[in-house]
Amino acid sequence: MVRKFENIKVIETRELYDVISAYGDALIDEATENGSLADPDADNEYTREIGRVGIMCADYESIYMTFSHLKFKKPVINGVENDFSKESIRQLETAEIL
């Protein structure tokens, strides 16, 4: 494993974030491929470097990025929609039935 960005402690630009984030993704791919992440409790050079890079990226994201929250339908609504969809009942008919 080749370590990069050892002299960087804080990410302050989007360009640097993108480069370091891609480096983190590549580390995860490499560690997965060579089995370094097979044990959930592993403590090795990959897990430590992925953690270091992940913390820097998370800090940047919390300061400079905003994310919209994901919205999920309630399980009851999904169940009703799926059941009526299987019976080819339209939303208007579903509303009348309910």
C-alpha atoms as a PDB file:
ATOM      1  CA  MET A   1       0.000   0.000   0.000  1.00  0.00           C
ATOM      2  CA  VAL A   2       1.262   3.433  -0.923  1.00  0.00           C
ATOM      3  CA  ARG A   3       0.194   6.103   1.561  1.00  0.00           C
ATOM      4  CA  LYS A   4      -0.647   9.526   0.158  1.00  0.00           C
ATOM      5  CA  PHE A   5      -1.482  12.906   1.646  1.00  0.00           C
ATOM      6  CA  GLU A   6       0.337  12.192   4.909  1.00  0.00           C
ATOM      7  CA  ASN A   7       1.171  15.863   5.362  1.00  0.00           C
ATOM      8  CA  ILE A   8      -2.480  16.951   5.053  1.00  0.00           C
ATOM      9  CA  LYS A   9      -4.469  17.183   8.270  1.00  0.00           C
ATOM     10  CA  VAL A  10      -7.476  19.219   7.085  1.00  0.00           C
ATOM     11  CA  ILE A  11      -9.282  19.373   3.756  1.00  0.00           C
ATOM     12  CA  GLU A  12     -10.234  22.943   2.874  1.00  0.00           C
ATOM     13  CA  THR A  13     -11.118  22.873  -0.845  1.00  0.00           C
ATOM     14  CA  ARG A  14     -13.560  20.860  -2.910  1.00  0.00           C
ATOM     15  CA  GLU A  15     -10.792  19.888  -5.323  1.00  0.00           C
ATOM     16  CA  LEU A  16      -8.687  18.397  -2.541  1.00  0.00           C
ATOM     17  CA  TYR A  17     -11.762  16.703  -1.090  1.00  0.00           C
ATOM     18  CA  ASP A  18     -12.509  15.041  -4.438  1.00  0.00           C
ATOM     19  CA  VAL A  19      -8.924  13.774  -4.798  1.00  0.00           C
ATOM     20  CA  ILE A  20      -8.698  12.457  -1.241  1.00  0.00           C
ATOM     21  CA  SER A  21     -12.162  10.915  -1.415  1.00  0.00           C
ATOM     22  CA  ALA A  22     -11.173   9.058  -4.595  1.00  0.00           C
ATOM     23  CA  TYR A  23      -7.991   7.904  -2.834  1.00  0.00           C
ATOM     24  CA  GLY A  24     -10.122   6.566   0.032  1.00  0.00           C
ATOM     25  CA  ASP A  25     -12.377   4.706  -2.408  1.00  0.00           C
ATOM     26  CA  ALA A  26      -9.335   3.187  -4.103  1.00  0.00           C
ATOM     27  CA  LEU A  27      -7.975   2.087  -0.711  1.00  0.00           C
ATOM     28  CA  ILE A  28     -11.260   0.390   0.129  1.00  0.00           C
ATOM     29  CA  ASP A  29     -11.279  -1.409  -3.226  1.00  0.00           C
ATOM     30  CA  GLU A  30      -7.667  -2.544  -2.801  1.00  0.00           C
ATOM     31  CA  ALA A  31      -8.185  -3.661   0.798  1.00  0.00           C
ATOM     32  CA  THR A  32     -11.335  -5.550  -0.136  1.00  0.00           C
ATOM     33  CA  GLU A  33      -9.581  -7.283  -2.995  1.00  0.00           C
ATOM     34  CA  ASN A  34      -6.582  -8.393  -0.938  1.00  0.00           C
ATOM     35  CA  GLY A  35      -8.683  -9.483   2.064  1.00  0.00           C
ATOM     36  CA  SER A  36      -7.554  -6.798   4.499  1.00  0.00           C
ATOM     37  CA  LEU A  37     -11.178  -5.967   5.321  1.00  0.00           C
ATOM     38  CA  ALA A  38     -12.375  -9.566   5.690  1.00  0.00           C
ATOM     39  CA  ASP A  39     -12.301  -9.408   9.485  1.00  0.00           C
ATOM     40  CA  PRO A  40     -14.656  -6.714  10.873  1.00  0.00           C
ATOM     41  CA  ASP A  41     -12.283  -6.172  13.797  1.00  0.00           C
ATOM     42  CA  ALA A  42      -9.167  -5.922  11.637  1.00  0.00           C
ATOM     43  CA  ASP A  43      -6.515  -3.418  12.645  1.00  0.00           C
ATOM     44  CA  ASN A  44      -4.000  -3.088   9.836  1.00  0.00           C
ATOM     45  CA  GLU A  45      -2.401  -0.441   7.650  1.00  0.00           C
ATOM     46  CA  TYR A  46      -5.462  -0.320   5.392  1.00  0.00           C
ATOM     47  CA  THR A  47      -8.037   0.122   8.139  1.00  0.00           C
ATOM     48  CA  ARG A  48      -5.959   2.819   9.821  1.00  0.00           C
ATOM     49  CA  GLU A  49      -5.409   4.736   6.562  1.00  0.00           C
ATOM     50  CA  ILE A  50      -9.045   4.388   5.488  1.00  0.00           C
ATOM     51  CA  GLY A  51     -10.058   5.687   8.916  1.00  0.00           C
ATOM     52  CA  ARG A  52      -7.683   8.660   8.723  1.00  0.00           C
ATOM     53  CA  VAL A  53      -8.894   9.615   5.241  1.00  0.00           C
ATOM     54  CA  GLY A  54     -12.525   9.016   6.188  1.00  0.00           C
ATOM     55  CA  ILE A  55     -12.308  11.344   9.162  1.00  0.00           C
ATOM     56  CA  MET A  56     -10.806  14.130   7.041  1.00  0.00           C
ATOM     57  CA  CYS A  57     -13.556  13.700   4.418  1.00  0.00           C
ATOM     58  CA  ALA A  58     -16.298  13.585   7.072  1.00  0.00           C
ATOM     59  CA  ASP A  59     -14.977  16.778   8.678  1.00  0.00           C
ATOM     60  CA  TYR A  60     -14.977  18.555   5.309  1.00  0.00           C
ATOM     61  CA  GLU A  61     -18.504  17.326   4.559  1.00  0.00           C
ATOM     62  CA  SER A  62     -19.872  18.490   7.906  1.00  0.00           C
ATOM     63  CA  ILE A  63     -18.420  21.984   7.440  1.00  0.00           C
ATOM     64  CA  TYR A  64     -18.800  22.690   3.726  1.00  0.00           C
ATOM     65  CA  MET A  65     -21.460  20.390   2.312  1.00  0.00           C
ATOM     66  CA  THR A  66     -25.190  20.131   2.833  1.00  0.00           C
ATOM     67  CA  PHE A  67     -27.166  17.036   2.053  1.00  0.00           C
ATOM     68  CA  SER A  68     -30.893  16.743   1.672  1.00  0.00           C
ATOM     69  CA  HIS A  69     -32.442  14.160   3.923  1.00  0.00           C
ATOM     70  CA  LEU A  70     -33.760  11.000   2.385  1.00  0.00           C
ATOM     71  CA  LYS A  71     -37.489  10.514   2.646  1.00  0.00           C
ATOM     72  CA  PHE A  72     -38.920   7.051   3.058  1.00  0.00           C
ATOM     73  CA  LYS A  73     -42.481   5.896   2.906  1.00  0.00           C
ATOM     74  CA  LYS A  74     -43.813   4.200   5.970  1.00  0.00           C
ATOM     75  CA  PRO A  75     -43.947   0.397   5.714  1.00  0.00           C
ATOM     76  CA  VAL A  76     -47.759   0.437   5.948  1.00  0.00           C
ATOM     77  CA  ILE A  77     -47.998   2.720   2.902  1.00  0.00           C
ATOM     78  CA  ASN A  78     -45.574   0.540   0.948  1.00  0.00           C
ATOM     79  CA  GLY A  79     -47.585  -2.554   1.837  1.00  0.00           C
ATOM     80  CA  VAL A  80     -50.889  -1.003   0.754  1.00  0.00           C
ATOM     81  CA  GLU A  81     -49.380   0.286  -2.495  1.00  0.00           C
ATOM     82  CA  ASN A  82     -47.830  -3.095  -3.280  1.00  0.00           C
ATOM     83  CA  ASP A  83     -51.033  -5.024  -2.533  1.00  0.00           C
ATOM     84  CA  PHE A  84     -53.217  -2.780  -4.657  1.00  0.00           C
ATOM     85  CA  SER A  85     -50.623  -2.667  -7.408  1.00  0.00           C
ATOM     86  CA  LYS A  86     -50.649  -6.473  -7.617  1.00  0.00           C
ATOM     87  CA  GLU A  87     -54.417  -6.323  -8.111  1.00  0.00           C
ATOM     88  CA  SER A  88     -54.054  -3.542 -10.716  1.00  0.00           C
ATOM     89  CA  ILE A  89     -56.130  -1.164  -8.607  1.00  0.00           C
ATOM     90  CA  ARG A  90     -55.420   2.500  -9.303  1.00  0.00           C
ATOM     91  CA  GLN A  91     -54.699   5.130  -6.638  1.00  0.00           C
ATOM     92  CA  LEU A  92     -58.155   6.707  -6.953  1.00  0.00           C
ATOM     93  CA  GLU A  93     -59.819   3.326  -6.448  1.00  0.00           C
ATOM     94  CA  THR A  94     -57.485   2.610  -3.548  1.00  0.00           C
ATOM     95  CA  ALA A  95     -58.466   5.913  -1.929  1.00  0.00           C
ATOM     96  CA  GLU A  96     -62.162   5.080  -2.323  1.00  0.00           C
ATOM     97  CA  ILE A  97     -61.682   1.621  -0.812  1.00  0.00           C
ATOM     98  CA  LEU A  98     -59.719   2.981   2.136  1.00  0.00           C
END
